[in-house]
PDB file of N, CA and C in Angstrom:
ATOM      1  N   UNK A   1      22.468 115.628  54.835  1.00  0.00           N
ATOM      2  CA  UNK A   1      23.864 115.954  54.566  1.00  0.00           C
ATOM      3  C   UNK A   1      24.769 114.934  55.257  1.00  0.00           C
ATOM      4  N   UNK A   2      25.995 114.926  54.859  1.00  0.00           N
ATOM      5  CA  UNK A   2      26.961 114.041  55.492  1.00  0.00           C
ATOM      6  C   UNK A   2      28.272 114.775  55.676  1.00  0.00           C
ATOM      7  N   UNK A   3      29.060 114.277  56.598  1.00  0.00           N
ATOM      8  CA  UNK A   3      30.369 114.869  56.862  1.00  0.00           C
ATOM      9  C   UNK A   3      31.426 113.847  56.490  1.00  0.00           C
ATOM     10  N   UNK A   4      31.810 113.811  55.246  1.00  0.00           N
ATOM     11  CA  UNK A   4      32.825 112.872  54.802  1.00  0.00           C
ATOM     12  C   UNK A   4      33.667 113.524  53.735  1.00  0.00           C
ATOM     13  N   UNK A   5      33.951 114.790  53.922  1.00  0.00           N
ATOM     14  CA  UNK A   5      34.631 115.604  52.934  1.00  0.00           C
ATOM     15  C   UNK A   5      35.972 114.991  52.527  1.00  0.00           C
ATOM     16  N   UNK A   6      36.122 114.698  51.261  1.00  0.00           N
ATOM     17  CA  UNK A   6      37.367 114.175  50.697  1.00  0.00           C
ATOM     18  C   UNK A   6      37.790 112.824  51.275  1.00  0.00           C
ATOM     19  N   UNK A   7      36.863 112.087  51.873  1.00  0.00           N
ATOM     20  CA  UNK A   7      37.238 110.791  52.437  1.00  0.00           C
ATOM     21  C   UNK A   7      36.707 109.650  51.586  1.00  0.00           C
ATOM     22  N   UNK A   8      35.702 109.921  50.758  1.00  0.00           N
ATOM     23  CA  UNK A   8      35.110 108.863  49.964  1.00  0.00           C
ATOM     24  C   UNK A   8      34.132 108.026  50.754  1.00  0.00           C
ATOM     25  N   UNK A   9      33.879 108.406  52.008  1.00  0.00           N
ATOM     26  CA  UNK A   9      32.942 107.675  52.845  1.00  0.00           C
ATOM     27  C   UNK A   9      31.875 108.621  53.354  1.00  0.00           C
ATOM     28  N   UNK A  10      30.646 108.118  53.403  1.00  0.00           N
ATOM     29  CA  UNK A  10      29.569 108.898  53.983  1.00  0.00           C
ATOM     30  C   UNK A  10      29.598 108.720  55.492  1.00  0.00           C
ATOM     31  N   UNK A  11      29.553 109.817  56.199  1.00  0.00           N
ATOM     32  CA  UNK A  11      29.525 109.773  57.652  1.00  0.00           C
ATOM     33  C   UNK A  11      28.320 110.582  58.089  1.00  0.00           C
ATOM     34  N   UNK A  12      27.367 109.922  58.703  1.00  0.00           N
ATOM     35  CA  UNK A  12      26.163 110.617  59.130  1.00  0.00           C
ATOM     36  C   UNK A  12      26.497 111.608  60.240  1.00  0.00           C
ATOM     37  N   UNK A  13      25.890 112.768  60.146  1.00  0.00           N
ATOM     38  CA  UNK A  13      26.138 113.794  61.151  1.00  0.00           C
ATOM     39  C   UNK A  13      25.032 113.765  62.193  1.00  0.00           C
ATOM     40  N   UNK A  14      25.336 114.277  63.346  1.00  0.00           N
ATOM     41  CA  UNK A  14      24.329 114.412  64.387  1.00  0.00           C
ATOM     42  C   UNK A  14      24.389 115.840  64.929  1.00  0.00           C
ATOM     43  N   UNK A  15      23.597 116.089  65.934  1.00  0.00           N
ATOM     44  CA  UNK A  15      23.499 117.439  66.474  1.00  0.00           C
ATOM     45  C   UNK A  15      24.838 117.947  67.011  1.00  0.00           C
ATOM     46  N   UNK A  16      25.658 117.058  67.549  1.00  0.00           N
ATOM     47  CA  UNK A  16      26.931 117.489  68.123  1.00  0.00           C
ATOM     48  C   UNK A  16      27.896 117.984  67.050  1.00  0.00           C
ATOM     49  N   UNK A  17      27.728 117.513  65.832  1.00  0.00           N
ATOM     50  CA  UNK A  17      28.613 117.934  64.744  1.00  0.00           C
ATOM     51  C   UNK A  17      28.522 119.444  64.504  1.00  0.00           C
ATOM     52  N   UNK A  18      27.323 119.969  64.581  1.00  0.00           N
ATOM     53  CA  UNK A  18      27.109 121.392  64.302  1.00  0.00           C
ATOM     54  C   UNK A  18      27.685 122.291  65.392  1.00  0.00           C
ATOM     55  N   UNK A  19      27.906 121.747  66.566  1.00  0.00           N
ATOM     56  CA  UNK A  19      28.400 122.574  67.666  1.00  0.00           C
ATOM     57  C   UNK A  19      29.920 122.601  67.736  1.00  0.00           C
ATOM     58  N   UNK A  20      30.589 121.766  66.953  1.00  0.00           N
ATOM     59  CA  UNK A  20      32.051 121.746  66.963  1.00  0.00           C
ATOM     60  C   UNK A  20      32.587 122.861  66.076  1.00  0.00           C
ATOM     61  N   UNK A  21      33.698 123.465  66.464  1.00  0.00           N
ATOM     62  CA  UNK A  21      34.256 124.548  65.654  1.00  0.00           C
ATOM     63  C   UNK A  21      34.748 124.048  64.306  1.00  0.00           C
ATOM     64  N   UNK A  22      34.633 124.885  63.301  1.00  0.00           N
ATOM     65  CA  UNK A  22      35.077 124.534  61.962  1.00  0.00           C
ATOM     66  C   UNK A  22      36.499 125.040  61.748  1.00  0.00           C
ATOM     67  N   UNK A  23      37.343 124.197  61.145  1.00  0.00           N
ATOM     68  CA  UNK A  23      38.717 124.572  60.830  1.00  0.00           C
ATOM     69  C   UNK A  23      38.891 124.406  59.333  1.00  0.00           C
ATOM     70  N   UNK A  24      38.990 125.521  58.619  1.00  0.00           N
ATOM     71  CA  UNK A  24      39.115 125.495  57.164  1.00  0.00           C
ATOM     72  C   UNK A  24      38.010 124.668  56.509  1.00  0.00           C
ATOM     73  N   UNK A  25      36.816 124.804  57.025  1.00  0.00           N
ATOM     74  CA  UNK A  25      35.683 124.093  56.436  1.00  0.00           C
ATOM     75  C   UNK A  25      35.522 122.672  56.936  1.00  0.00           C
ATOM     76  N   UNK A  26      36.419 122.211  57.788  1.00  0.00           N
ATOM     77  CA  UNK A  26      36.302 120.869  58.367  1.00  0.00           C
ATOM     78  C   UNK A  26      36.064 121.016  59.862  1.00  0.00           C
ATOM     79  N   UNK A  27      35.416 120.059  60.446  1.00  0.00           N
ATOM     80  CA  UNK A  27      35.173 120.119  61.877  1.00  0.00           C
ATOM     81  C   UNK A  27      36.417 119.705  62.639  1.00  0.00           C
ATOM     82  N   UNK A  28      36.737 120.445  63.681  1.00  0.00           N
ATOM     83  CA  UNK A  28      37.915 120.159  64.492  1.00  0.00           C
ATOM     84  C   UNK A  28      37.840 118.736  65.027  1.00  0.00           C
ATOM     85  N   UNK A  29      38.965 118.057  64.989  1.00  0.00           N
ATOM     86  CA  UNK A  29      39.022 116.700  65.503  1.00  0.00           C
ATOM     87  C   UNK A  29      38.865 115.639  64.434  1.00  0.00           C
ATOM     88  N   UNK A  30      38.409 116.034  63.234  1.00  0.00           N
ATOM     89  CA  UNK A  30      38.274 115.076  62.144  1.00  0.00           C
ATOM     90  C   UNK A  30      39.598 114.995  61.389  1.00  0.00           C
ATOM     91  N   UNK A  31      39.829 113.918  60.658  1.00  0.00           N
ATOM     92  CA  UNK A  31      41.068 113.796  59.900  1.00  0.00           C
ATOM     93  C   UNK A  31      41.267 114.977  58.947  1.00  0.00           C
ATOM     94  N   UNK A  32      42.483 115.475  58.866  1.00  0.00           N
ATOM     95  CA  UNK A  32      42.784 116.576  57.962  1.00  0.00           C
ATOM     96  C   UNK A  32      42.684 117.945  58.592  1.00  0.00           C
ATOM     97  N   UNK A  33      42.295 118.001  59.855  1.00  0.00           N
ATOM     98  CA  UNK A  33      42.206 119.308  60.512  1.00  0.00           C
ATOM     99  C   UNK A  33      43.487 119.590  61.268  1.00  0.00           C
ATOM    100  N   UNK A  34      43.884 120.838  61.239  1.00  0.00           N
ATOM    101  CA  UNK A  34      45.051 121.275  61.996  1.00  0.00           C
ATOM    102  C   UNK A  34      44.675 122.565  62.683  1.00  0.00           C
ATOM    103  N   UNK A  35      44.900 122.625  63.963  1.00  0.00           N
ATOM    104  CA  UNK A  35      44.561 123.843  64.690  1.00  0.00           C
ATOM    105  C   UNK A  35      45.750 124.786  64.783  1.00  0.00           C
ATOM    106  N   UNK A  36      46.963 124.252  64.674  1.00  0.00           N
ATOM    107  CA  UNK A  36      48.159 125.084  64.758  1.00  0.00           C
ATOM    108  C   UNK A  36      49.076 124.771  63.591  1.00  0.00           C
ATOM    109  N   UNK A  37      49.911 125.722  63.241  1.00  0.00           N
ATOM    110  CA  UNK A  37      50.883 125.489  62.184  1.00  0.00           C
ATOM    111  C   UNK A  37      50.545 126.254  60.921  1.00  0.00           C
ATOM    112  N   UNK A  38      51.544 126.471  60.113  1.00  0.00           N
ATOM    113  CA  UNK A  38      51.366 127.214  58.863  1.00  0.00           C
ATOM    114  C   UNK A  38      50.873 126.289  57.757  1.00  0.00           C
ATOM    115  N   UNK A  39      50.204 126.870  56.806  1.00  0.00           N
ATOM    116  CA  UNK A  39      49.733 126.092  55.657  1.00  0.00           C
ATOM    117  C   UNK A  39      50.930 125.666  54.812  1.00  0.00           C
ATOM    118  N   UNK A  40      50.839 124.469  54.298  1.00  0.00           N
ATOM    119  CA  UNK A  40      51.955 123.952  53.491  1.00  0.00           C
ATOM    120  C   UNK A  40      51.880 124.483  52.076  1.00  0.00           C
TER     121      UNK A  40
END
């Protein structure tokens, strides 16, 4: 599997990826994630 959702790039995942919290199906800290604020 890869973690490159909607980026057009394949990004290889490692063990640390699975331990990060998911925000709306994306891992926190990746582009497109927001932890605070209302949905637009």
